[in-house]
Amino acid sequence: MILETQRRQVVDRASDLATLTPGRTGNLSVRAGDAFAVTPTGVAYDSFDVPDVPVVGVDGDHRDGNMLPSSEVPMHAAIYRRDPVGAIVHTHSPWSTALAIANEPLPPIHYMIVAVGKSVPVAEYAPYGTDELAANIVDAMARAETTAAFIENHGLVVTGPDLETALENTVHVESLARLYLEARAAGLEPQTLTDAQLETVLTKFESYGQDEST
């Protein structure tokens, strides 16, 4: 079975989508080489096993799996063709989607935004599952030099070097979107960090965590 490890990750972590997005509206994928394992389309997150998980090439061809792949394969494939990322998470999480339907980017209101970049842009709307939408997302992320983007009138997409990071950063973006909108709802004007302040955070993050060499 090809990409067995990646397919297992999809099965094990698909349930995380249930806490982030309503119904069956999210999807995630994990890459290995020129192919990726992706959640199947239109099924509950706990209703499939490893052999069911579709494997798709970065060119978009369905290579393996008992179930059909997510309708957002064009988006996943386009991002993988652009960047050497290891995983992608797509949700309709409510606070991020609120900004998406308002066509409003997320500014740097908190230092944790550097987990994905210095802002979260909004990709122009196009019908879901289309090459046009995929191109719009890739373009928005490239212009903003970010690993996350809202999709106008749609939702959120986040990439990462691995699935754990992509899921964690999806939570970060959703949390910051909530803080931003709650401050605005209270009649407050959120203060934003400067480029210099964000660069300082990026430098500090380079030495964040445990030193595995010791």
N, C-alpha and C. Protein backbone atom coordinates (compact mmCIF):
# COMPACT_ATOMS: atom_id res chain seq x y z
N MET A 1 0.85 -1.19 0.00
CA MET A 1 0.00 0.00 0.00
C MET A 1 0.89 1.25 0.00
N ILE A 2 0.71 2.13 -0.98
CA ILE A 2 1.57 3.30 -1.08
C ILE A 2 1.16 4.36 -0.07
N LEU A 3 2.13 5.12 0.42
CA LEU A 3 1.94 6.20 1.38
C LEU A 3 1.17 5.75 2.62
N GLU A 4 1.47 4.54 3.11
CA GLU A 4 0.74 4.01 4.25
C GLU A 4 0.88 4.89 5.48
N THR A 5 2.09 5.40 5.74
CA THR A 5 2.30 6.25 6.91
C THR A 5 1.47 7.52 6.81
N GLN A 6 1.47 8.15 5.65
CA GLN A 6 0.71 9.39 5.46
C GLN A 6 -0.79 9.12 5.54
N ARG A 7 -1.24 7.99 5.02
CA ARG A 7 -2.66 7.65 5.09
C ARG A 7 -3.09 7.42 6.54
N ARG A 8 -2.22 6.80 7.31
CA ARG A 8 -2.51 6.60 8.72
C ARG A 8 -2.63 7.94 9.45
N GLN A 9 -1.77 8.88 9.11
CA GLN A 9 -1.87 10.21 9.72
C GLN A 9 -3.21 10.87 9.40
N VAL A 10 -3.66 10.73 8.17
CA VAL A 10 -4.96 11.30 7.78
C VAL A 10 -6.08 10.69 8.62
N VAL A 11 -6.06 9.37 8.79
CA VAL A 11 -7.08 8.70 9.61
C VAL A 11 -7.01 9.17 11.06
N ASP A 12 -5.79 9.21 11.60
CA ASP A 12 -5.61 9.53 13.02
C ASP A 12 -5.98 10.97 13.35
N ARG A 13 -5.76 11.89 12.40
CA ARG A 13 -5.97 13.30 12.71
C ARG A 13 -7.21 13.91 12.06
N ALA A 14 -7.92 13.14 11.28
CA ALA A 14 -9.13 13.69 10.65
C ALA A 14 -10.14 14.17 11.68
N SER A 15 -10.17 13.51 12.83
CA SER A 15 -11.12 13.91 13.88
C SER A 15 -10.86 15.32 14.38
N ASP A 16 -9.62 15.80 14.22
CA ASP A 16 -9.31 17.19 14.62
C ASP A 16 -10.16 18.18 13.84
N LEU A 17 -10.51 17.82 12.61
CA LEU A 17 -11.33 18.71 11.80
C LEU A 17 -12.69 18.95 12.43
N ALA A 18 -13.21 17.94 13.14
CA ALA A 18 -14.53 18.06 13.75
C ALA A 18 -14.59 19.18 14.78
N THR A 19 -13.45 19.49 15.40
CA THR A 19 -13.42 20.55 16.40
C THR A 19 -13.19 21.92 15.77
N LEU A 20 -12.88 21.93 14.49
CA LEU A 20 -12.53 23.19 13.82
C LEU A 20 -13.55 23.65 12.80
N THR A 21 -14.31 22.73 12.23
CA THR A 21 -15.15 23.07 11.09
C THR A 21 -16.48 22.36 11.19
N PRO A 22 -17.59 22.97 10.75
CA PRO A 22 -18.90 22.33 10.89
C PRO A 22 -19.11 21.20 9.90
N GLY A 23 -19.88 20.20 10.32
CA GLY A 23 -20.26 19.11 9.42
C GLY A 23 -19.07 18.40 8.83
N ARG A 24 -19.09 18.22 7.51
CA ARG A 24 -18.03 17.52 6.80
C ARG A 24 -17.32 18.48 5.85
N THR A 25 -17.16 19.71 6.27
CA THR A 25 -16.72 20.77 5.36
C THR A 25 -15.21 20.98 5.30
N GLY A 26 -14.46 20.26 6.12
CA GLY A 26 -13.01 20.45 6.10
C GLY A 26 -12.29 19.31 5.40
N ASN A 27 -11.01 19.50 5.15
CA ASN A 27 -10.19 18.44 4.59
C ASN A 27 -8.73 18.69 4.95
N LEU A 28 -7.94 17.63 4.90
CA LEU A 28 -6.51 17.76 5.18
C LEU A 28 -5.76 16.75 4.33
N SER A 29 -4.47 17.02 4.17
CA SER A 29 -3.64 16.12 3.38
C SER A 29 -2.22 16.10 3.92
N VAL A 30 -1.52 15.01 3.60
CA VAL A 30 -0.12 14.83 4.00
C VAL A 30 0.65 14.36 2.78
N ARG A 31 1.78 15.00 2.54
CA ARG A 31 2.55 14.74 1.31
C ARG A 31 3.75 13.84 1.56
N ALA A 32 4.09 13.06 0.53
CA ALA A 32 5.36 12.32 0.49
C ALA A 32 5.80 12.29 -0.96
N GLY A 33 6.88 12.96 -1.27
CA GLY A 33 7.39 13.00 -2.64
C GLY A 33 6.42 13.70 -3.59
N ASP A 34 6.04 13.00 -4.65
CA ASP A 34 5.19 13.61 -5.67
C ASP A 34 3.72 13.23 -5.51
N ALA A 35 3.34 12.79 -4.29
CA ALA A 35 1.95 12.41 -4.06
C ALA A 35 1.55 12.78 -2.64
N PHE A 36 0.24 12.76 -2.40
CA PHE A 36 -0.25 13.08 -1.05
C PHE A 36 -1.48 12.24 -0.72
N ALA A 37 -1.62 11.94 0.58
CA ALA A 37 -2.81 11.29 1.11
C ALA A 37 -3.77 12.38 1.55
N VAL A 38 -5.06 12.25 1.24
CA VAL A 38 -6.02 13.31 1.51
C VAL A 38 -7.33 12.70 2.02
N THR A 39 -8.05 13.44 2.83
CA THR A 39 -9.33 12.96 3.32
C THR A 39 -10.29 12.69 2.16
N PRO A 40 -11.11 11.64 2.29
CA PRO A 40 -12.09 11.35 1.24
C PRO A 40 -13.24 12.35 1.28
N THR A 41 -13.97 12.47 0.20
CA THR A 41 -15.02 13.45 0.08
C THR A 41 -16.35 12.96 0.65
N GLY A 42 -17.05 13.83 1.36
CA GLY A 42 -18.42 13.61 1.75
C GLY A 42 -18.67 12.53 2.76
N VAL A 43 -17.68 12.18 3.58
CA VAL A 43 -17.90 11.16 4.60
C VAL A 43 -17.51 11.71 5.97
N ALA A 44 -18.11 11.13 7.01
CA ALA A 44 -17.78 11.55 8.37
C ALA A 44 -16.31 11.26 8.66
N TYR A 45 -15.72 12.09 9.51
CA TYR A 45 -14.28 11.99 9.75
C TYR A 45 -13.86 10.71 10.45
N ASP A 46 -14.82 9.99 11.08
CA ASP A 46 -14.49 8.74 11.78
C ASP A 46 -15.01 7.51 11.04
N SER A 47 -15.32 7.67 9.76
CA SER A 47 -15.97 6.57 9.04
C SER A 47 -15.11 5.95 7.95
N PHE A 48 -13.79 6.14 8.01
CA PHE A 48 -12.92 5.54 7.00
C PHE A 48 -11.63 5.06 7.66
N ASP A 49 -10.97 4.12 7.00
CA ASP A 49 -9.73 3.56 7.51
C ASP A 49 -8.62 3.72 6.47
N VAL A 50 -7.44 3.27 6.82
CA VAL A 50 -6.26 3.52 6.00
C VAL A 50 -6.44 3.14 4.53
N PRO A 51 -6.95 1.94 4.21
CA PRO A 51 -7.09 1.59 2.79
C PRO A 51 -8.07 2.48 2.04
N ASP A 52 -8.98 3.14 2.76
CA ASP A 52 -9.96 4.02 2.12
C ASP A 52 -9.36 5.35 1.69
N VAL A 53 -8.30 5.78 2.38
CA VAL A 53 -7.74 7.11 2.18
C VAL A 53 -7.19 7.25 0.76
N PRO A 54 -7.67 8.24 0.01
CA PRO A 54 -7.18 8.43 -1.36
C PRO A 54 -5.73 8.92 -1.39
N VAL A 55 -5.00 8.47 -2.37
CA VAL A 55 -3.66 8.97 -2.66
C VAL A 55 -3.73 9.64 -4.02
N VAL A 56 -3.26 10.89 -4.07
CA VAL A 56 -3.35 11.70 -5.28
C VAL A 56 -1.96 12.25 -5.62
N GLY A 57 -1.62 12.27 -6.88
CA GLY A 57 -0.37 12.86 -7.30
C GLY A 57 -0.45 14.38 -7.29
N VAL A 58 0.69 15.03 -7.20
CA VAL A 58 0.68 16.50 -7.20
C VAL A 58 0.18 17.06 -8.54
N ASP A 59 0.09 16.19 -9.54
CA ASP A 59 -0.52 16.60 -10.81
C ASP A 59 -2.03 16.41 -10.81
N GLY A 60 -2.57 15.87 -9.69
CA GLY A 60 -4.02 15.76 -9.53
C GLY A 60 -4.61 14.41 -9.86
N ASP A 61 -3.79 13.42 -10.24
CA ASP A 61 -4.34 12.12 -10.62
C ASP A 61 -4.55 11.23 -9.41
N HIS A 62 -5.69 10.56 -9.35
CA HIS A 62 -6.05 9.66 -8.24
C HIS A 62 -5.32 8.34 -8.42
N ARG A 63 -4.41 8.02 -7.49
CA ARG A 63 -3.54 6.86 -7.65
C ARG A 63 -3.96 5.64 -6.84
N ASP A 64 -4.62 5.86 -5.69
CA ASP A 64 -4.94 4.72 -4.84
C ASP A 64 -6.00 5.14 -3.83
N GLY A 65 -6.55 4.15 -3.13
CA GLY A 65 -7.56 4.41 -2.11
C GLY A 65 -8.94 3.94 -2.54
N ASN A 66 -9.69 3.37 -1.58
CA ASN A 66 -11.02 2.85 -1.87
C ASN A 66 -12.07 3.92 -2.04
N MET A 67 -11.81 5.13 -1.53
CA MET A 67 -12.79 6.21 -1.60
C MET A 67 -12.31 7.33 -2.52
N LEU A 68 -13.24 8.13 -2.97
CA LEU A 68 -12.91 9.28 -3.81
C LEU A 68 -12.30 10.38 -2.96
N PRO A 69 -11.34 11.14 -3.50
CA PRO A 69 -10.68 12.19 -2.72
C PRO A 69 -11.53 13.43 -2.55
N SER A 70 -11.13 14.27 -1.63
CA SER A 70 -11.77 15.56 -1.38
C SER A 70 -12.00 16.34 -2.67
N SER A 71 -13.09 17.08 -2.70
CA SER A 71 -13.36 17.94 -3.86
C SER A 71 -12.34 19.05 -4.00
N GLU A 72 -11.57 19.29 -2.94
CA GLU A 72 -10.57 20.36 -2.98
C GLU A 72 -9.19 19.87 -3.40
N VAL A 73 -9.13 18.72 -4.07
CA VAL A 73 -7.85 18.23 -4.58
C VAL A 73 -7.11 19.27 -5.42
N PRO A 74 -7.79 20.03 -6.30
CA PRO A 74 -7.05 21.04 -7.07
C PRO A 74 -6.29 22.04 -6.19
N MET A 75 -6.90 22.43 -5.06
CA MET A 75 -6.24 23.36 -4.15
C MET A 75 -5.01 22.72 -3.52
N HIS A 76 -5.16 21.50 -3.00
CA HIS A 76 -4.03 20.81 -2.37
C HIS A 76 -2.91 20.59 -3.38
N ALA A 77 -3.27 20.11 -4.56
CA ALA A 77 -2.25 19.82 -5.58
C ALA A 77 -1.52 21.08 -6.01
N ALA A 78 -2.24 22.18 -6.19
CA ALA A 78 -1.62 23.44 -6.63
C ALA A 78 -0.64 23.96 -5.58
N ILE A 79 -1.01 23.86 -4.32
CA ILE A 79 -0.11 24.32 -3.26
C ILE A 79 1.13 23.44 -3.20
N TYR A 80 0.96 22.13 -3.31
CA TYR A 80 2.11 21.24 -3.28
C TYR A 80 3.04 21.46 -4.47
N ARG A 81 2.47 21.81 -5.60
CA ARG A 81 3.32 22.09 -6.76
C ARG A 81 4.11 23.38 -6.56
N ARG A 82 3.57 24.31 -5.78
CA ARG A 82 4.24 25.59 -5.57
C ARG A 82 5.31 25.51 -4.49
N ASP A 83 4.98 24.84 -3.38
CA ASP A 83 5.85 24.85 -2.20
C ASP A 83 6.19 23.44 -1.74
N PRO A 84 7.36 23.27 -1.15
CA PRO A 84 7.74 21.96 -0.60
C PRO A 84 7.16 21.74 0.79
N VAL A 85 5.88 22.04 0.98
CA VAL A 85 5.25 21.86 2.28
C VAL A 85 4.87 20.40 2.46
N GLY A 86 4.68 19.99 3.73
CA GLY A 86 4.40 18.59 4.02
C GLY A 86 2.95 18.27 4.30
N ALA A 87 2.13 19.31 4.57
CA ALA A 87 0.73 19.05 4.91
C ALA A 87 -0.10 20.31 4.70
N ILE A 88 -1.40 20.09 4.49
CA ILE A 88 -2.35 21.19 4.28
C ILE A 88 -3.62 20.90 5.07
N VAL A 89 -4.15 21.93 5.70
CA VAL A 89 -5.43 21.84 6.42
C VAL A 89 -6.36 22.91 5.89
N HIS A 90 -7.59 22.51 5.57
CA HIS A 90 -8.60 23.46 5.09
C HIS A 90 -9.84 23.33 5.96
N THR A 91 -10.33 24.45 6.50
CA THR A 91 -11.51 24.44 7.37
C THR A 91 -12.46 25.57 7.01
N HIS A 92 -13.67 25.45 7.55
CA HIS A 92 -14.64 26.54 7.54
C HIS A 92 -14.83 27.03 8.97
N SER A 93 -13.76 27.06 9.74
CA SER A 93 -13.81 27.47 11.14
C SER A 93 -14.43 28.85 11.27
N PRO A 94 -15.35 29.05 12.24
CA PRO A 94 -16.24 30.21 12.22
C PRO A 94 -15.59 31.59 12.28
N TRP A 95 -14.58 31.78 13.11
CA TRP A 95 -14.01 33.12 13.24
C TRP A 95 -13.19 33.48 12.01
N SER A 96 -12.44 32.53 11.50
CA SER A 96 -11.70 32.77 10.27
C SER A 96 -12.64 32.99 9.09
N THR A 97 -13.71 32.21 9.04
CA THR A 97 -14.66 32.35 7.95
C THR A 97 -15.40 33.68 8.03
N ALA A 98 -15.60 34.18 9.25
CA ALA A 98 -16.21 35.51 9.40
C ALA A 98 -15.36 36.58 8.71
N LEU A 99 -14.04 36.50 8.88
CA LEU A 99 -13.16 37.44 8.19
C LEU A 99 -13.17 37.19 6.70
N ALA A 100 -13.27 35.92 6.31
CA ALA A 100 -13.29 35.58 4.88
C ALA A 100 -14.53 36.16 4.20
N ILE A 101 -15.69 36.10 4.86
CA ILE A 101 -16.90 36.61 4.22
C ILE A 101 -16.94 38.14 4.25
N ALA A 102 -16.15 38.73 5.14
CA ALA A 102 -16.03 40.19 5.17
C ALA A 102 -14.92 40.68 4.25
N ASN A 103 -14.20 39.73 3.64
CA ASN A 103 -13.06 40.04 2.77
C ASN A 103 -12.05 40.92 3.51
N GLU A 104 -11.75 40.53 4.74
CA GLU A 104 -10.86 41.33 5.59
C GLU A 104 -9.66 40.50 6.04
N PRO A 105 -8.46 40.91 5.68
CA PRO A 105 -7.26 40.19 6.13
C PRO A 105 -7.09 40.30 7.64
N LEU A 106 -6.33 39.39 8.20
CA LEU A 106 -6.00 39.44 9.62
C LEU A 106 -4.66 40.15 9.79
N PRO A 107 -4.64 41.30 10.44
CA PRO A 107 -3.37 42.02 10.64
C PRO A 107 -2.58 41.43 11.81
N PRO A 108 -1.34 41.88 12.01
CA PRO A 108 -0.50 41.34 13.08
C PRO A 108 -0.86 41.92 14.45
N ILE A 109 -1.96 41.43 15.03
CA ILE A 109 -2.42 41.94 16.32
C ILE A 109 -1.76 41.24 17.50
N HIS A 110 -1.05 40.14 17.23
CA HIS A 110 -0.43 39.34 18.29
C HIS A 110 0.81 38.68 17.70
N TYR A 111 1.82 38.49 18.54
CA TYR A 111 3.07 37.98 17.99
C TYR A 111 2.97 36.56 17.44
N MET A 112 1.95 35.79 17.86
CA MET A 112 1.83 34.42 17.37
C MET A 112 1.46 34.34 15.89
N ILE A 113 1.13 35.46 15.29
CA ILE A 113 0.83 35.42 13.86
C ILE A 113 2.05 35.00 13.05
N VAL A 114 3.25 35.19 13.62
CA VAL A 114 4.45 34.81 12.85
C VAL A 114 4.55 33.30 12.62
N ALA A 115 3.68 32.54 13.27
CA ALA A 115 3.64 31.10 12.99
C ALA A 115 3.28 30.85 11.53
N VAL A 116 2.55 31.80 10.92
CA VAL A 116 2.16 31.65 9.50
C VAL A 116 2.66 32.77 8.61
N GLY A 117 3.14 33.86 9.20
CA GLY A 117 3.59 35.01 8.42
C GLY A 117 3.36 36.29 9.21
N LYS A 118 3.27 37.41 8.50
CA LYS A 118 3.05 38.69 9.17
C LYS A 118 1.61 39.17 9.03
N SER A 119 0.80 38.45 8.31
CA SER A 119 -0.62 38.72 8.18
C SER A 119 -1.25 37.49 7.54
N VAL A 120 -2.58 37.47 7.51
CA VAL A 120 -3.28 36.41 6.78
C VAL A 120 -4.13 37.10 5.71
N PRO A 121 -3.79 36.92 4.43
CA PRO A 121 -4.49 37.60 3.34
C PRO A 121 -5.80 36.89 3.01
N VAL A 122 -6.57 37.51 2.13
CA VAL A 122 -7.81 36.91 1.63
C VAL A 122 -7.63 36.59 0.15
N ALA A 123 -7.80 35.33 -0.20
CA ALA A 123 -7.74 34.92 -1.60
C ALA A 123 -9.09 35.20 -2.26
N GLU A 124 -9.05 35.64 -3.50
CA GLU A 124 -10.27 35.99 -4.23
C GLU A 124 -11.18 34.78 -4.40
N TYR A 125 -12.47 35.02 -4.33
CA TYR A 125 -13.46 33.94 -4.44
C TYR A 125 -13.45 33.30 -5.82
N ALA A 126 -13.69 32.00 -5.82
CA ALA A 126 -13.99 31.22 -7.02
C ALA A 126 -14.72 29.98 -6.52
N PRO A 127 -15.49 29.30 -7.37
CA PRO A 127 -16.21 28.11 -6.92
C PRO A 127 -15.27 27.08 -6.30
N TYR A 128 -15.75 26.39 -5.27
CA TYR A 128 -14.89 25.42 -4.60
C TYR A 128 -14.54 24.27 -5.55
N GLY A 129 -13.38 23.69 -5.32
CA GLY A 129 -12.95 22.55 -6.10
C GLY A 129 -12.48 22.87 -7.51
N THR A 130 -12.23 24.15 -7.79
CA THR A 130 -11.83 24.53 -9.15
C THR A 130 -10.36 24.92 -9.23
N ASP A 131 -9.82 24.83 -10.43
CA ASP A 131 -8.45 25.27 -10.65
C ASP A 131 -8.33 26.77 -10.43
N GLU A 132 -9.40 27.51 -10.71
CA GLU A 132 -9.38 28.96 -10.51
C GLU A 132 -9.20 29.29 -9.04
N LEU A 133 -9.94 28.61 -8.17
CA LEU A 133 -9.80 28.85 -6.73
C LEU A 133 -8.40 28.48 -6.28
N ALA A 134 -7.89 27.35 -6.74
CA ALA A 134 -6.54 26.92 -6.38
C ALA A 134 -5.51 27.99 -6.74
N ALA A 135 -5.63 28.55 -7.94
CA ALA A 135 -4.70 29.59 -8.39
C ALA A 135 -4.81 30.84 -7.53
N ASN A 136 -6.03 31.20 -7.15
CA ASN A 136 -6.23 32.39 -6.31
C ASN A 136 -5.58 32.23 -4.95
N ILE A 137 -5.68 31.03 -4.38
CA ILE A 137 -5.09 30.78 -3.07
C ILE A 137 -3.57 30.81 -3.14
N VAL A 138 -3.02 30.14 -4.12
CA VAL A 138 -1.57 30.13 -4.30
C VAL A 138 -1.04 31.55 -4.49
N ASP A 139 -1.75 32.35 -5.28
CA ASP A 139 -1.32 33.73 -5.54
C ASP A 139 -1.37 34.57 -4.27
N ALA A 140 -2.44 34.45 -3.49
CA ALA A 140 -2.58 35.24 -2.25
C ALA A 140 -1.49 34.89 -1.26
N MET A 141 -1.19 33.61 -1.10
CA MET A 141 -0.16 33.20 -0.15
C MET A 141 1.22 33.64 -0.61
N ALA A 142 1.46 33.60 -1.91
CA ALA A 142 2.77 34.01 -2.43
C ALA A 142 2.98 35.51 -2.25
N ARG A 143 1.95 36.31 -2.54
CA ARG A 143 2.08 37.77 -2.44
C ARG A 143 2.30 38.20 -1.00
N ALA A 144 1.65 37.53 -0.06
CA ALA A 144 1.77 37.91 1.36
C ALA A 144 2.91 37.19 2.06
N GLU A 145 3.58 36.28 1.36
CA GLU A 145 4.67 35.49 1.94
C GLU A 145 4.21 34.84 3.24
N THR A 146 3.12 34.09 3.14
CA THR A 146 2.50 33.48 4.31
C THR A 146 2.20 32.02 4.04
N THR A 147 1.96 31.28 5.10
CA THR A 147 1.56 29.87 4.96
C THR A 147 0.09 29.68 5.29
N ALA A 148 -0.67 30.77 5.30
CA ALA A 148 -2.11 30.68 5.56
C ALA A 148 -2.84 31.75 4.75
N ALA A 149 -4.08 31.45 4.41
CA ALA A 149 -4.90 32.43 3.70
C ALA A 149 -6.36 32.16 3.98
N PHE A 150 -7.13 33.24 4.12
CA PHE A 150 -8.58 33.11 4.10
C PHE A 150 -9.00 33.00 2.64
N ILE A 151 -10.14 32.36 2.43
CA ILE A 151 -10.70 32.25 1.08
C ILE A 151 -12.02 33.01 1.08
N GLU A 152 -12.12 34.03 0.27
CA GLU A 152 -13.27 34.91 0.27
C GLU A 152 -14.59 34.13 0.19
N ASN A 153 -15.50 34.44 1.16
CA ASN A 153 -16.80 33.77 1.23
C ASN A 153 -16.69 32.25 1.28
N HIS A 154 -15.66 31.76 1.99
CA HIS A 154 -15.43 30.32 2.00
C HIS A 154 -14.83 29.83 3.31
N GLY A 155 -13.56 30.11 3.59
CA GLY A 155 -12.95 29.55 4.78
C GLY A 155 -11.48 29.87 4.90
N LEU A 156 -10.71 28.88 5.40
CA LEU A 156 -9.30 29.07 5.74
C LEU A 156 -8.49 27.90 5.21
N VAL A 157 -7.27 28.18 4.76
CA VAL A 157 -6.33 27.11 4.41
C VAL A 157 -4.98 27.43 5.05
N VAL A 158 -4.35 26.41 5.62
CA VAL A 158 -3.07 26.56 6.31
C VAL A 158 -2.15 25.43 5.88
N THR A 159 -0.89 25.75 5.61
CA THR A 159 0.10 24.73 5.26
C THR A 159 1.15 24.63 6.36
N GLY A 160 1.88 23.53 6.34
CA GLY A 160 2.94 23.35 7.32
C GLY A 160 3.94 22.31 6.86
N PRO A 161 5.09 22.21 7.53
CA PRO A 161 6.08 21.20 7.17
C PRO A 161 5.59 19.78 7.47
N ASP A 162 4.61 19.67 8.38
CA ASP A 162 4.02 18.39 8.74
C ASP A 162 2.59 18.64 9.21
N LEU A 163 1.83 17.57 9.38
CA LEU A 163 0.41 17.73 9.72
C LEU A 163 0.22 18.32 11.11
N GLU A 164 1.05 17.93 12.06
CA GLU A 164 0.94 18.47 13.42
C GLU A 164 1.06 19.99 13.41
N THR A 165 2.05 20.50 12.68
CA THR A 165 2.26 21.95 12.62
C THR A 165 1.12 22.64 11.89
N ALA A 166 0.66 22.06 10.80
CA ALA A 166 -0.44 22.66 10.05
C ALA A 166 -1.71 22.75 10.90
N LEU A 167 -2.00 21.70 11.66
CA LEU A 167 -3.17 21.73 12.53
C LEU A 167 -3.00 22.75 13.65
N GLU A 168 -1.82 22.78 14.25
CA GLU A 168 -1.56 23.73 15.33
C GLU A 168 -1.69 25.17 14.83
N ASN A 169 -1.17 25.44 13.65
CA ASN A 169 -1.24 26.80 13.13
C ASN A 169 -2.65 27.17 12.67
N THR A 170 -3.45 26.19 12.29
CA THR A 170 -4.86 26.45 12.02
C THR A 170 -5.55 26.94 13.28
N VAL A 171 -5.23 26.31 14.40
CA VAL A 171 -5.79 26.75 15.69
C VAL A 171 -5.31 28.16 16.03
N HIS A 172 -4.03 28.44 15.78
CA HIS A 172 -3.50 29.79 16.05
C HIS A 172 -4.27 30.84 15.25
N VAL A 173 -4.46 30.61 13.95
CA VAL A 173 -5.14 31.59 13.12
C VAL A 173 -6.58 31.77 13.58
N GLU A 174 -7.26 30.67 13.87
CA GLU A 174 -8.65 30.76 14.33
C GLU A 174 -8.74 31.55 15.64
N SER A 175 -7.82 31.31 16.56
CA SER A 175 -7.80 32.03 17.84
C SER A 175 -7.56 33.53 17.64
N LEU A 176 -6.62 33.87 16.76
CA LEU A 176 -6.33 35.29 16.51
C LEU A 176 -7.49 35.96 15.79
N ALA A 177 -8.15 35.25 14.88
CA ALA A 177 -9.31 35.80 14.20
C ALA A 177 -10.41 36.13 15.22
N ARG A 178 -10.58 35.24 16.18
CA ARG A 178 -11.58 35.47 17.23
C ARG A 178 -11.22 36.69 18.07
N LEU A 179 -9.96 36.79 18.50
CA LEU A 179 -9.53 37.94 19.30
C LEU A 179 -9.75 39.24 18.55
N TYR A 180 -9.41 39.23 17.28
CA TYR A 180 -9.55 40.43 16.44
C TYR A 180 -11.01 40.86 16.33
N LEU A 181 -11.88 39.91 16.05
CA LEU A 181 -13.29 40.25 15.87
C LEU A 181 -13.96 40.62 17.19
N GLU A 182 -13.56 39.98 18.28
CA GLU A 182 -14.15 40.32 19.58
C GLU A 182 -13.73 41.73 20.01
N ALA A 183 -12.47 42.09 19.75
CA ALA A 183 -12.03 43.45 20.06
C ALA A 183 -12.80 44.47 19.23
N ARG A 184 -12.97 44.17 17.95
CA ARG A 184 -13.73 45.08 17.08
C ARG A 184 -15.19 45.18 17.53
N ALA A 185 -15.77 44.06 17.95
CA ALA A 185 -17.17 44.05 18.39
C ALA A 185 -17.36 44.87 19.67
N ALA A 186 -16.29 44.95 20.47
CA ALA A 186 -16.35 45.74 21.70
C ALA A 186 -16.10 47.22 21.45
N GLY A 187 -15.94 47.59 20.19
CA GLY A 187 -15.71 48.98 19.84
C GLY A 187 -14.27 49.41 19.98
N LEU A 188 -13.37 48.46 20.11
CA LEU A 188 -11.95 48.76 20.27
C LEU A 188 -11.25 48.69 18.92
N GLU A 189 -10.15 49.40 18.80
CA GLU A 189 -9.34 49.35 17.59
C GLU A 189 -8.07 48.57 17.91
N PRO A 190 -7.96 47.34 17.46
CA PRO A 190 -6.80 46.52 17.81
C PRO A 190 -5.49 47.16 17.35
N GLN A 191 -4.51 47.14 18.23
CA GLN A 191 -3.18 47.65 17.92
C GLN A 191 -2.42 46.57 17.15
N THR A 192 -1.67 46.99 16.15
CA THR A 192 -0.90 46.03 15.37
C THR A 192 0.59 46.18 15.64
N LEU A 193 1.31 45.08 15.48
CA LEU A 193 2.76 45.08 15.66
C LEU A 193 3.46 45.57 14.40
N THR A 194 4.59 46.20 14.59
CA THR A 194 5.37 46.70 13.46
C THR A 194 6.20 45.57 12.85
N ASP A 195 6.74 45.81 11.66
CA ASP A 195 7.62 44.83 11.03
C ASP A 195 8.83 44.54 11.91
N ALA A 196 9.37 45.58 12.52
CA ALA A 196 10.54 45.40 13.38
C ALA A 196 10.20 44.52 14.58
N GLN A 197 9.05 44.73 15.17
CA GLN A 197 8.63 43.90 16.30
C GLN A 197 8.42 42.46 15.88
N LEU A 198 7.85 42.25 14.70
CA LEU A 198 7.64 40.89 14.21
C LEU A 198 8.95 40.20 13.89
N GLU A 199 9.92 40.96 13.34
CA GLU A 199 11.23 40.37 13.05
C GLU A 199 11.92 39.92 14.33
N THR A 200 11.74 40.68 15.42
CA THR A 200 12.31 40.29 16.71
C THR A 200 11.72 38.97 17.18
N VAL A 201 10.41 38.83 17.02
CA VAL A 201 9.75 37.58 17.40
C VAL A 201 10.28 36.41 16.57
N LEU A 202 10.42 36.62 15.27
CA LEU A 202 10.93 35.56 14.40
C LEU A 202 12.32 35.11 14.83
N THR A 203 13.15 36.06 15.22
CA THR A 203 14.49 35.74 15.70
C THR A 203 14.43 34.93 16.99
N LYS A 204 13.56 35.33 17.91
CA LYS A 204 13.42 34.61 19.18
C LYS A 204 12.88 33.21 18.94
N PHE A 205 11.99 33.05 17.97
CA PHE A 205 11.41 31.75 17.70
C PHE A 205 12.44 30.74 17.19
N GLU A 206 13.54 31.24 16.63
CA GLU A 206 14.57 30.35 16.11
C GLU A 206 15.21 29.51 17.23
N SER A 207 15.15 29.99 18.46
CA SER A 207 15.74 29.25 19.57
C SER A 207 14.67 28.81 20.57
N TYR A 208 13.41 28.82 20.14
CA TYR A 208 12.29 28.45 21.02
C TYR A 208 12.20 26.93 21.16
N GLY A 209 11.84 26.45 22.34
CA GLY A 209 11.63 25.03 22.57
C GLY A 209 12.85 24.35 23.16
N GLN A 210 12.83 23.02 23.16
CA GLN A 210 13.88 22.25 23.77
C GLN A 210 15.03 22.02 22.79
N ASP A 211 16.23 22.06 23.30
CA ASP A 211 17.42 21.77 22.49
C ASP A 211 17.60 20.27 22.43
N GLU A 212 17.27 19.65 21.30
CA GLU A 212 17.30 18.20 21.18
C GLU A 212 18.73 17.65 21.09
N SER A 213 19.72 18.54 20.99
CA SER A 213 21.10 18.05 20.89
C SER A 213 21.70 17.75 22.25
N THR A 214 20.98 18.14 23.31
CA THR A 214 21.52 17.94 24.66
C THR A 214 20.85 16.75 25.35
